[in-house]
Amino acid sequence: MAGTTVFSAPFDDRTAWAAGRTSAYPEDGRNRADNKLDRIAPAYAPTPDGVFRARRADRGDWRTDLVSTEYAPGGFELLPGDELTATCLVHAQTGAWPALWTWGRDRDGGRPQPGHGEVDAFEYHGDNPAVLELTNHVRPAARYADGLITPGTPFRLGIVFGADSVDWSVDGATVFTDGVGVGRHWRAWIVVGISVSAGGYGHPPPAHDARELQWRCTDLSVRRPRRPAGPRRTGRESRHASPRGGMIAARVGRRGLQGPATMQVRPTRPVGPPRASPPPPPSETVPLT
């Protein structure tokens, strides 16, 4: 894709990524309503080289690593047409639920975006070791794609969030084109994490003696297509390096750098949308209801 890199930052860069925070989860950091044994918190973050871990705790909880651009000072948001790429490495561990996804801010008046702006670049369950779950919750469509990956072998994931079609690729080959897209007004934060299945949706929980689950994500970046020249505005969009070497889109106006290209307004916490259960047979394109 021709365009400009507008986001690329290591996961320990706290100007770009907030650890253990997303408005997709209740305030206590637990999400049992979505079949998850997770407990997220600012203390639970991936390693600098992108390993996301879930570690067994007490009372049935698992301390799970998660980062999001939502509460970070950079406040980066994806826009229609953006392309996200990342290298991923998953393992066939029962109960493990790696995911790379998006979550959108509420609209004026606290109204959520359609599907809360959620697009799953991928979800993975260790009990279906060769299946990637690719889902658009904004304009519902999904594919559970079998045979695309091998546990323990890295794969290159790509997703273009088109207004009229969201397109997924693995190792450079297109694997799903949903034909519905996210619309022209979509905007969403990036979320990367690992969850732990509680046993619903057809996926078993971890073995009783399992202590840690993990997966790895590296080289995550976002490219944005060059926009046609339009009416002159009072500010211009620029890219600036984060203190840790990443790149974050920002708005520069008459008074200089003014922060992220999108206002960082703390959203009203929505309730996470339910997910379909159980998953459909592999390699089917399934409209979601």
C-alpha atoms as a PDB file:
ATOM      1  CA  MET A   1       0.000   0.000   0.000  1.00  0.00           C
ATOM      2  CA  ALA A   2       1.335   3.434  -0.934  1.00  0.00           C
ATOM      3  CA  GLY A   3       1.161   5.832   1.944  1.00  0.00           C
ATOM      4  CA  THR A   4       2.906   7.152   5.004  1.00  0.00           C
ATOM      5  CA  THR A   5       3.742   5.364   8.244  1.00  0.00           C
ATOM      6  CA  VAL A   6       1.728   7.195  10.910  1.00  0.00           C
ATOM      7  CA  PHE A   7       2.196   4.842  13.857  1.00  0.00           C
ATOM      8  CA  SER A   8       5.024   2.563  14.944  1.00  0.00           C
ATOM      9  CA  ALA A   9       6.158   2.283  18.544  1.00  0.00           C
ATOM     10  CA  PRO A  10       7.521  -0.415  20.869  1.00  0.00           C
ATOM     11  CA  PHE A  11       5.047  -1.756  23.400  1.00  0.00           C
ATOM     12  CA  ASP A  12       6.997  -0.311  26.345  1.00  0.00           C
ATOM     13  CA  ASP A  13       6.653   3.243  24.978  1.00  0.00           C
ATOM     14  CA  ARG A  14       4.107   4.757  27.379  1.00  0.00           C
ATOM     15  CA  THR A  15       3.612   7.833  25.178  1.00  0.00           C
ATOM     16  CA  ALA A  16       2.128   5.524  22.521  1.00  0.00           C
ATOM     17  CA  TRP A  17       0.659   2.621  24.514  1.00  0.00           C
ATOM     18  CA  ALA A  18      -1.246   2.545  27.817  1.00  0.00           C
ATOM     19  CA  ALA A  19      -0.811  -0.707  29.733  1.00  0.00           C
ATOM     20  CA  GLY A  20      -3.791  -2.551  31.183  1.00  0.00           C
ATOM     21  CA  ARG A  21      -6.461  -0.020  30.217  1.00  0.00           C
ATOM     22  CA  THR A  22      -9.305  -0.096  27.698  1.00  0.00           C
ATOM     23  CA  SER A  23     -12.888   1.122  27.960  1.00  0.00           C
ATOM     24  CA  ALA A  24     -13.938  -2.200  26.415  1.00  0.00           C
ATOM     25  CA  TYR A  25     -13.489  -3.729  29.898  1.00  0.00           C
ATOM     26  CA  PRO A  26     -15.357  -2.901  33.107  1.00  0.00           C
ATOM     27  CA  GLU A  27     -13.550  -0.622  35.537  1.00  0.00           C
ATOM     28  CA  ASP A  28     -12.324  -3.492  37.719  1.00  0.00           C
ATOM     29  CA  GLY A  29     -10.349  -4.963  34.808  1.00  0.00           C
ATOM     30  CA  ARG A  30     -12.335  -8.207  34.697  1.00  0.00           C
ATOM     31  CA  ASN A  31     -14.586  -9.298  31.828  1.00  0.00           C
ATOM     32  CA  ARG A  32     -16.375 -12.478  32.920  1.00  0.00           C
ATOM     33  CA  ALA A  33     -19.444 -11.474  30.865  1.00  0.00           C
ATOM     34  CA  ASP A  34     -17.368 -12.118  27.741  1.00  0.00           C
ATOM     35  CA  ASN A  35     -16.214 -15.591  28.897  1.00  0.00           C
ATOM     36  CA  LYS A  36     -12.827 -14.299  30.057  1.00  0.00           C
ATOM     37  CA  LEU A  37     -10.830 -15.114  33.165  1.00  0.00           C
ATOM     38  CA  ASP A  38      -8.719 -12.001  32.615  1.00  0.00           C
ATOM     39  CA  ARG A  39      -7.764  -9.329  35.027  1.00  0.00           C
ATOM     40  CA  ILE A  40      -6.042  -6.394  33.335  1.00  0.00           C
ATOM     41  CA  ALA A  41      -4.193  -3.651  35.208  1.00  0.00           C
ATOM     42  CA  PRO A  42      -1.435  -1.103  34.482  1.00  0.00           C
ATOM     43  CA  ALA A  43       1.079  -3.460  36.116  1.00  0.00           C
ATOM     44  CA  TYR A  44       0.401  -6.167  33.524  1.00  0.00           C
ATOM     45  CA  ALA A  45       2.185  -5.225  30.304  1.00  0.00           C
ATOM     46  CA  PRO A  46       3.991  -7.176  27.585  1.00  0.00           C
ATOM     47  CA  THR A  47       7.757  -7.541  27.540  1.00  0.00           C
ATOM     48  CA  PRO A  48       9.757  -4.990  25.519  1.00  0.00           C
ATOM     49  CA  ASP A  49      10.157  -7.597  22.755  1.00  0.00           C
ATOM     50  CA  GLY A  50       6.389  -8.108  22.444  1.00  0.00           C
ATOM     51  CA  VAL A  51       5.621 -11.217  24.491  1.00  0.00           C
ATOM     52  CA  PHE A  52       2.072 -11.064  25.905  1.00  0.00           C
ATOM     53  CA  ARG A  53       1.589 -13.329  28.930  1.00  0.00           C
ATOM     54  CA  ALA A  54      -1.317 -14.618  30.998  1.00  0.00           C
ATOM     55  CA  ARG A  55      -0.257 -15.780  34.479  1.00  0.00           C
ATOM     56  CA  ARG A  56      -2.482 -17.705  36.839  1.00  0.00           C
ATOM     57  CA  ALA A  57      -3.453 -15.784  39.988  1.00  0.00           C
ATOM     58  CA  ASP A  58      -5.779 -16.534  42.896  1.00  0.00           C
ATOM     59  CA  ARG A  59      -9.605 -16.855  42.942  1.00  0.00           C
ATOM     60  CA  GLY A  60      -9.639 -18.114  39.371  1.00  0.00           C
ATOM     61  CA  ASP A  61      -8.221 -14.913  37.861  1.00  0.00           C
ATOM     62  CA  TRP A  62      -5.380 -14.691  35.384  1.00  0.00           C
ATOM     63  CA  ARG A  63      -3.145 -11.611  35.207  1.00  0.00           C
ATOM     64  CA  THR A  64      -3.225 -10.794  31.491  1.00  0.00           C
ATOM     65  CA  ASP A  65      -1.017  -8.409  29.521  1.00  0.00           C
ATOM     66  CA  LEU A  66      -2.787  -5.776  27.421  1.00  0.00           C
ATOM     67  CA  VAL A  67      -1.895  -2.477  25.784  1.00  0.00           C
ATOM     68  CA  SER A  68      -4.060   0.068  23.982  1.00  0.00           C
ATOM     69  CA  THR A  69      -3.545   3.432  22.342  1.00  0.00           C
ATOM     70  CA  GLU A  70      -6.761   4.653  23.999  1.00  0.00           C
ATOM     71  CA  TYR A  71      -5.421   6.193  27.219  1.00  0.00           C
ATOM     72  CA  ALA A  72      -1.866   6.837  26.013  1.00  0.00           C
ATOM     73  CA  PRO A  73      -0.736  10.473  25.682  1.00  0.00           C
ATOM     74  CA  GLY A  74      -0.447  10.014  21.894  1.00  0.00           C
ATOM     75  CA  GLY A  75      -4.059   8.821  21.687  1.00  0.00           C
ATOM     76  CA  PHE A  76      -3.537   7.348  18.219  1.00  0.00           C
ATOM     77  CA  GLU A  77      -6.682   6.314  16.334  1.00  0.00           C
ATOM     78  CA  LEU A  78      -7.093   4.344  13.146  1.00  0.00           C
ATOM     79  CA  LEU A  79      -9.084   5.914  10.298  1.00  0.00           C
ATOM     80  CA  PRO A  80     -10.776   4.422   7.221  1.00  0.00           C
ATOM     81  CA  GLY A  81      -8.193   3.362   4.659  1.00  0.00           C
ATOM     82  CA  ASP A  82      -5.433   2.668   7.193  1.00  0.00           C
ATOM     83  CA  GLU A  83      -3.391  -0.513   6.866  1.00  0.00           C
ATOM     84  CA  LEU A  84      -2.112  -2.267  10.007  1.00  0.00           C
ATOM     85  CA  THR A  85       0.611  -4.904   9.778  1.00  0.00           C
ATOM     86  CA  ALA A  86       2.281  -7.010  12.463  1.00  0.00           C
ATOM     87  CA  THR A  87       4.291 -10.195  12.853  1.00  0.00           C
ATOM     88  CA  CYS A  88       2.565 -12.682  15.150  1.00  0.00           C
ATOM     89  CA  LEU A  89       3.593 -15.958  16.795  1.00  0.00           C
ATOM     90  CA  VAL A  90       0.960 -18.066  18.586  1.00  0.00           C
ATOM     91  CA  HIS A  91       1.070 -21.396  20.416  1.00  0.00           C
ATOM     92  CA  ALA A  92      -1.436 -24.260  20.676  1.00  0.00           C
ATOM     93  CA  GLN A  93      -2.091 -23.756  24.402  1.00  0.00           C
ATOM     94  CA  THR A  94      -5.562 -24.713  25.608  1.00  0.00           C
ATOM     95  CA  GLY A  95      -7.377 -21.703  27.038  1.00  0.00           C
ATOM     96  CA  ALA A  96      -5.102 -19.133  25.403  1.00  0.00           C
ATOM     97  CA  TRP A  97      -6.953 -16.362  23.548  1.00  0.00           C
ATOM     98  CA  PRO A  98      -4.507 -14.000  21.779  1.00  0.00           C
ATOM     99  CA  ALA A  99      -6.075 -11.058  19.957  1.00  0.00           C
ATOM    100  CA  LEU A 100      -5.272  -7.893  18.038  1.00  0.00           C
ATOM    101  CA  TRP A 101      -8.376  -5.722  17.680  1.00  0.00           C
ATOM    102  CA  THR A 102      -9.843  -2.213  17.669  1.00  0.00           C
ATOM    103  CA  TRP A 103     -12.229  -0.303  19.931  1.00  0.00           C
ATOM    104  CA  GLY A 104     -13.886   3.002  19.053  1.00  0.00           C
ATOM    105  CA  ARG A 105     -14.712   6.109  21.060  1.00  0.00           C
ATOM    106  CA  ASP A 106     -18.338   6.976  21.695  1.00  0.00           C
ATOM    107  CA  ARG A 107     -20.022   9.554  19.537  1.00  0.00           C
ATOM    108  CA  ASP A 108     -21.470  12.823  20.839  1.00  0.00           C
ATOM    109  CA  GLY A 109     -23.937  12.253  23.644  1.00  0.00           C
ATOM    110  CA  GLY A 110     -22.311   8.970  24.659  1.00  0.00           C
ATOM    111  CA  ARG A 111     -23.768   7.019  21.743  1.00  0.00           C
ATOM    112  CA  PRO A 112     -21.475   4.118  20.775  1.00  0.00           C
ATOM    113  CA  GLN A 113     -20.274   3.617  17.246  1.00  0.00           C
ATOM    114  CA  PRO A 114     -21.787   0.648  15.408  1.00  0.00           C
ATOM    115  CA  GLY A 115     -20.261  -2.458  16.952  1.00  0.00           C
ATOM    116  CA  HIS A 116     -18.309  -0.152  19.285  1.00  0.00           C
ATOM    117  CA  GLY A 117     -15.880   0.329  16.390  1.00  0.00           C
ATOM    118  CA  GLU A 118     -14.569  -3.209  16.915  1.00  0.00           C
ATOM    119  CA  VAL A 119     -12.721  -5.051  14.179  1.00  0.00           C
ATOM    120  CA  ASP A 120     -10.774  -8.175  15.126  1.00  0.00           C
ATOM    121  CA  ALA A 121      -7.578  -8.157  13.083  1.00  0.00           C
ATOM    122  CA  PHE A 122      -7.391 -11.655  14.482  1.00  0.00           C
ATOM    123  CA  GLU A 123      -8.457 -13.784  17.423  1.00  0.00           C
ATOM    124  CA  TYR A 124      -6.975 -17.202  18.119  1.00  0.00           C
ATOM    125  CA  HIS A 125      -7.860 -20.092  20.397  1.00  0.00           C
ATOM    126  CA  GLY A 126      -5.274 -22.752  21.152  1.00  0.00           C
ATOM    127  CA  ASP A 127      -7.822 -25.578  20.882  1.00  0.00           C
ATOM    128  CA  ASN A 128      -8.274 -24.681  17.172  1.00  0.00           C
ATOM    129  CA  PRO A 129      -4.549 -24.519  16.413  1.00  0.00           C
ATOM    130  CA  ALA A 130      -4.632 -23.655  12.685  1.00  0.00           C
ATOM    131  CA  VAL A 131      -7.653 -21.294  12.700  1.00  0.00           C
ATOM    132  CA  LEU A 132      -7.606 -17.480  12.657  1.00  0.00           C
ATOM    133  CA  GLU A 133     -10.882 -15.736  13.540  1.00  0.00           C
ATOM    134  CA  LEU A 134     -11.296 -12.604  11.386  1.00  0.00           C
ATOM    135  CA  THR A 135     -14.298 -10.457  12.312  1.00  0.00           C
ATOM    136  CA  ASN A 136     -15.813  -7.092  11.469  1.00  0.00           C
ATOM    137  CA  HIS A 137     -18.274  -6.111  14.222  1.00  0.00           C
ATOM    138  CA  VAL A 138     -18.951  -2.654  12.723  1.00  0.00           C
ATOM    139  CA  ARG A 139     -20.753  -3.970   9.659  1.00  0.00           C
ATOM    140  CA  PRO A 140     -20.965  -7.590  10.681  1.00  0.00           C
ATOM    141  CA  ALA A 141     -19.067 -10.184   8.686  1.00  0.00           C
ATOM    142  CA  ALA A 142     -16.559 -12.870   9.620  1.00  0.00           C
ATOM    143  CA  ARG A 143     -14.411 -15.712   8.419  1.00  0.00           C
ATOM    144  CA  TYR A 144     -12.951 -18.507  10.524  1.00  0.00           C
ATOM    145  CA  ALA A 145      -9.999 -19.352   8.304  1.00  0.00           C
ATOM    146  CA  ASP A 146      -8.406 -22.787   8.703  1.00  0.00           C
ATOM    147  CA  GLY A 147      -4.956 -23.871   7.567  1.00  0.00           C
ATOM    148  CA  LEU A 148      -3.455 -20.377   7.325  1.00  0.00           C
ATOM    149  CA  ILE A 149      -0.930 -20.681  10.145  1.00  0.00           C
ATOM    150  CA  THR A 150       1.186 -23.172  12.060  1.00  0.00           C
ATOM    151  CA  PRO A 151       1.550 -22.768  15.842  1.00  0.00           C
ATOM    152  CA  GLY A 152       5.114 -21.855  16.742  1.00  0.00           C
ATOM    153  CA  THR A 153       5.803 -20.352  13.292  1.00  0.00           C
ATOM    154  CA  PRO A 154       5.633 -16.541  12.838  1.00  0.00           C
ATOM    155  CA  PHE A 155       3.185 -15.132  10.306  1.00  0.00           C
ATOM    156  CA  ARG A 156       2.807 -11.642   8.875  1.00  0.00           C
ATOM    157  CA  LEU A 157      -0.694 -10.257   9.374  1.00  0.00           C
ATOM    158  CA  GLY A 158      -2.090  -7.378   7.330  1.00  0.00           C
ATOM    159  CA  ILE A 159      -5.473  -5.661   7.498  1.00  0.00           C
ATOM    160  CA  VAL A 160      -6.791  -2.708   5.501  1.00  0.00           C
ATOM    161  CA  PHE A 161      -9.714  -0.982   7.239  1.00  0.00           C
ATOM    162  CA  GLY A 162     -11.479   0.185   4.095  1.00  0.00           C
ATOM    163  CA  ALA A 163     -14.659   2.246   4.222  1.00  0.00           C
ATOM    164  CA  ASP A 164     -16.341  -0.242   1.867  1.00  0.00           C
ATOM    165  CA  SER A 165     -14.372  -3.425   2.584  1.00  0.00           C
ATOM    166  CA  VAL A 166     -12.042  -4.690   5.294  1.00  0.00           C
ATOM    167  CA  ASP A 167      -9.347  -6.853   3.727  1.00  0.00           C
ATOM    168  CA  TRP A 168      -7.160  -9.338   5.613  1.00  0.00           C
ATOM    169  CA  SER A 169      -3.886 -10.898   4.416  1.00  0.00           C
ATOM    170  CA  VAL A 170      -1.496 -13.478   5.861  1.00  0.00           C
ATOM    171  CA  ASP A 171       2.107 -13.606   4.631  1.00  0.00           C
ATOM    172  CA  GLY A 172       1.197 -11.325   1.733  1.00  0.00           C
ATOM    173  CA  ALA A 173      -1.764 -13.346   0.429  1.00  0.00           C
ATOM    174  CA  THR A 174      -5.334 -12.033   0.724  1.00  0.00           C
ATOM    175  CA  VAL A 175      -7.398 -14.402   2.874  1.00  0.00           C
ATOM    176  CA  PHE A 176     -10.662 -12.512   3.435  1.00  0.00           C
ATOM    177  CA  THR A 177     -12.372  -9.519   1.838  1.00  0.00           C
ATOM    178  CA  ASP A 178     -15.590  -8.744   3.705  1.00  0.00           C
ATOM    179  CA  GLY A 179     -17.160  -6.401   1.131  1.00  0.00           C
ATOM    180  CA  VAL A 180     -18.862  -4.246   3.768  1.00  0.00           C
ATOM    181  CA  GLY A 181     -16.098  -2.171   5.378  1.00  0.00           C
ATOM    182  CA  VAL A 182     -16.214   0.187   8.352  1.00  0.00           C
ATOM    183  CA  GLY A 183     -17.843   3.261   6.789  1.00  0.00           C
ATOM    184  CA  ARG A 184     -16.428   6.733   6.227  1.00  0.00           C
ATOM    185  CA  HIS A 185     -16.797   7.958   9.828  1.00  0.00           C
ATOM    186  CA  TRP A 186     -15.158   5.052  11.668  1.00  0.00           C
ATOM    187  CA  ARG A 187     -12.263   5.714  14.023  1.00  0.00           C
ATOM    188  CA  ALA A 188     -10.796   3.376  16.605  1.00  0.00           C
ATOM    189  CA  TRP A 189      -7.939   2.713  18.988  1.00  0.00           C
ATOM    190  CA  ILE A 190      -5.643  -0.319  18.690  1.00  0.00           C
ATOM    191  CA  VAL A 191      -5.776  -2.999  21.384  1.00  0.00           C
ATOM    192  CA  VAL A 192      -3.302  -5.884  21.694  1.00  0.00           C
ATOM    193  CA  GLY A 193      -3.548  -8.492  24.422  1.00  0.00           C
ATOM    194  CA  ILE A 194      -4.085 -12.028  25.581  1.00  0.00           C
ATOM    195  CA  SER A 195      -7.233 -13.345  27.245  1.00  0.00           C
ATOM    196  CA  VAL A 196      -7.993 -16.646  28.938  1.00  0.00           C
ATOM    197  CA  SER A 197     -11.100 -18.632  28.033  1.00  0.00           C
ATOM    198  CA  ALA A 198     -13.503 -19.407  30.875  1.00  0.00           C
ATOM    199  CA  GLY A 199     -14.929 -22.423  29.036  1.00  0.00           C
ATOM    200  CA  GLY A 200     -17.777 -20.903  27.034  1.00  0.00           C
ATOM    201  CA  TYR A 201     -18.197 -20.260  23.289  1.00  0.00           C
ATOM    202  CA  GLY A 202     -17.015 -23.828  22.648  1.00  0.00           C
ATOM    203  CA  HIS A 203     -13.474 -23.198  23.923  1.00  0.00           C
ATOM    204  CA  PRO A 204     -12.164 -25.008  27.038  1.00  0.00           C
ATOM    205  CA  PRO A 205     -10.332 -23.258  29.876  1.00  0.00           C
ATOM    206  CA  PRO A 206      -6.655 -23.929  30.574  1.00  0.00           C
ATOM    207  CA  ALA A 207      -5.548 -27.220  32.112  1.00  0.00           C
ATOM    208  CA  HIS A 208      -5.601 -27.160  35.913  1.00  0.00           C
ATOM    209  CA  ASP A 209      -1.788 -27.306  36.083  1.00  0.00           C
ATOM    210  CA  ALA A 210      -1.171 -24.560  33.497  1.00  0.00           C
ATOM    211  CA  ARG A 211       0.586 -21.554  35.016  1.00  0.00           C
ATOM    212  CA  GLU A 212       1.370 -19.307  32.049  1.00  0.00           C
ATOM    213  CA  LEU A 213       0.095 -18.766  28.495  1.00  0.00           C
ATOM    214  CA  GLN A 214       1.697 -16.478  25.924  1.00  0.00           C
ATOM    215  CA  TRP A 215       2.035 -15.239  22.371  1.00  0.00           C
ATOM    216  CA  ARG A 216       4.250 -12.675  20.637  1.00  0.00           C
ATOM    217  CA  CYS A 217       3.572  -9.594  18.485  1.00  0.00           C
ATOM    218  CA  THR A 218       6.353  -7.566  16.840  1.00  0.00           C
ATOM    219  CA  ASP A 219       6.852  -4.919  14.153  1.00  0.00           C
ATOM    220  CA  LEU A 220       3.339  -3.481  14.467  1.00  0.00           C
ATOM    221  CA  SER A 221       2.873  -0.391  12.323  1.00  0.00           C
ATOM    222  CA  VAL A 222       0.145   1.578  10.557  1.00  0.00           C
ATOM    223  CA  ARG A 223       0.323   3.163   7.110  1.00  0.00           C
ATOM    224  CA  ARG A 224      -2.144   5.793   5.934  1.00  0.00           C
ATOM    225  CA  PRO A 225      -2.909   6.486   2.265  1.00  0.00           C
ATOM    226  CA  ARG A 226      -2.027   9.892   0.932  1.00  0.00           C
ATOM    227  CA  ARG A 227      -5.141  12.040   0.840  1.00  0.00           C
ATOM    228  CA  PRO A 228      -6.030  14.156  -2.205  1.00  0.00           C
ATOM    229  CA  ALA A 229      -5.310  17.841  -1.825  1.00  0.00           C
ATOM    230  CA  GLY A 230      -8.310  19.649  -0.358  1.00  0.00           C
ATOM    231  CA  PRO A 231      -9.275  23.064   1.015  1.00  0.00           C
ATOM    232  CA  ARG A 232      -6.575  24.720   3.068  1.00  0.00           C
ATOM    233  CA  ARG A 233      -6.997  24.265   6.806  1.00  0.00           C
ATOM    234  CA  THR A 234      -5.703  26.159   9.807  1.00  0.00           C
ATOM    235  CA  GLY A 235      -3.516  23.234  10.843  1.00  0.00           C
ATOM    236  CA  ARG A 236      -1.635  20.499   9.085  1.00  0.00           C
ATOM    237  CA  GLU A 237      -1.085  16.890   9.959  1.00  0.00           C
ATOM    238  CA  SER A 238       2.481  15.908  10.700  1.00  0.00           C
ATOM    239  CA  ARG A 239       4.328  12.905  12.004  1.00  0.00           C
ATOM    240  CA  HIS A 240       6.642  13.059  14.963  1.00  0.00           C
ATOM    241  CA  ALA A 241       8.901  10.545  16.577  1.00  0.00           C
ATOM    242  CA  SER A 242       7.944   9.289  20.008  1.00  0.00           C
ATOM    243  CA  PRO A 243      10.646   9.421  22.703  1.00  0.00           C
ATOM    244  CA  ARG A 244      11.118   5.655  22.241  1.00  0.00           C
ATOM    245  CA  GLY A 245      11.607   5.870  18.487  1.00  0.00           C
ATOM    246  CA  GLY A 246       8.034   5.333  17.305  1.00  0.00           C
ATOM    247  CA  MET A 247       5.939   7.482  15.033  1.00  0.00           C
ATOM    248  CA  ILE A 248       2.670   9.146  16.075  1.00  0.00           C
ATOM    249  CA  ALA A 249       0.327  11.292  13.960  1.00  0.00           C
ATOM    250  CA  ALA A 250      -0.164  14.777  15.413  1.00  0.00           C
ATOM    251  CA  ARG A 251      -1.861  18.065  14.586  1.00  0.00           C
ATOM    252  CA  VAL A 252       0.341  21.113  14.133  1.00  0.00           C
ATOM    253  CA  GLY A 253      -1.351  24.478  14.163  1.00  0.00           C
ATOM    254  CA  ARG A 254      -0.461  28.116  14.600  1.00  0.00           C
ATOM    255  CA  ARG A 255       0.824  27.473  18.104  1.00  0.00           C
ATOM    256  CA  GLY A 256       2.943  24.446  17.166  1.00  0.00           C
ATOM    257  CA  LEU A 257       2.453  20.848  18.190  1.00  0.00           C
ATOM    258  CA  GLN A 258      -0.974  20.465  19.753  1.00  0.00           C
ATOM    259  CA  GLY A 259      -1.169  16.758  20.515  1.00  0.00           C
ATOM    260  CA  PRO A 260      -2.812  13.877  18.700  1.00  0.00           C
ATOM    261  CA  ALA A 261      -4.648  14.300  15.431  1.00  0.00           C
ATOM    262  CA  THR A 262      -7.819  13.232  17.226  1.00  0.00           C
ATOM    263  CA  MET A 263      -8.982  14.784  20.462  1.00  0.00           C
ATOM    264  CA  GLN A 264      -8.358  12.575  23.448  1.00  0.00           C
ATOM    265  CA  VAL A 265     -11.694  12.567  25.227  1.00  0.00           C
ATOM    266  CA  ARG A 266     -12.241   9.915  27.860  1.00  0.00           C
ATOM    267  CA  PRO A 267     -15.175   7.874  26.549  1.00  0.00           C
ATOM    268  CA  THR A 268     -18.180   6.713  28.450  1.00  0.00           C
ATOM    269  CA  ARG A 269     -17.441   3.070  29.227  1.00  0.00           C
ATOM    270  CA  PRO A 270     -19.621   0.848  27.054  1.00  0.00           C
ATOM    271  CA  VAL A 271     -20.438  -2.719  27.796  1.00  0.00           C
ATOM    272  CA  GLY A 272     -18.410  -5.103  25.646  1.00  0.00           C
ATOM    273  CA  PRO A 273     -20.425  -6.671  22.815  1.00  0.00           C
ATOM    274  CA  PRO A 274     -21.241 -10.365  23.060  1.00  0.00           C
ATOM    275  CA  ARG A 275     -19.426 -12.686  20.740  1.00  0.00           C
ATOM    276  CA  ALA A 276     -21.032 -15.429  18.679  1.00  0.00           C
ATOM    277  CA  SER A 277     -20.997 -18.887  20.242  1.00  0.00           C
ATOM    278  CA  PRO A 278     -20.024 -21.490  19.360  1.00  0.00           C
ATOM    279  CA  PRO A 279     -17.683 -20.648  16.458  1.00  0.00           C
ATOM    280  CA  PRO A 280     -18.846 -21.748  13.023  1.00  0.00           C
ATOM    281  CA  PRO A 281     -17.059 -24.438  11.014  1.00  0.00           C
ATOM    282  CA  PRO A 282     -13.620 -23.394   9.771  1.00  0.00           C
ATOM    283  CA  SER A 283     -13.072 -21.575   6.470  1.00  0.00           C
ATOM    284  CA  GLU A 284     -16.588 -20.190   6.175  1.00  0.00           C
ATOM    285  CA  THR A 285     -17.603 -16.603   5.560  1.00  0.00           C
ATOM    286  CA  VAL A 286     -20.365 -16.035   8.089  1.00  0.00           C
ATOM    287  CA  PRO A 287     -22.612 -12.956   8.366  1.00  0.00           C
ATOM    288  CA  LEU A 288     -22.940 -12.084  12.031  1.00  0.00           C
ATOM    289  CA  THR A 289     -26.307 -11.317  13.560  1.00  0.00           C
END
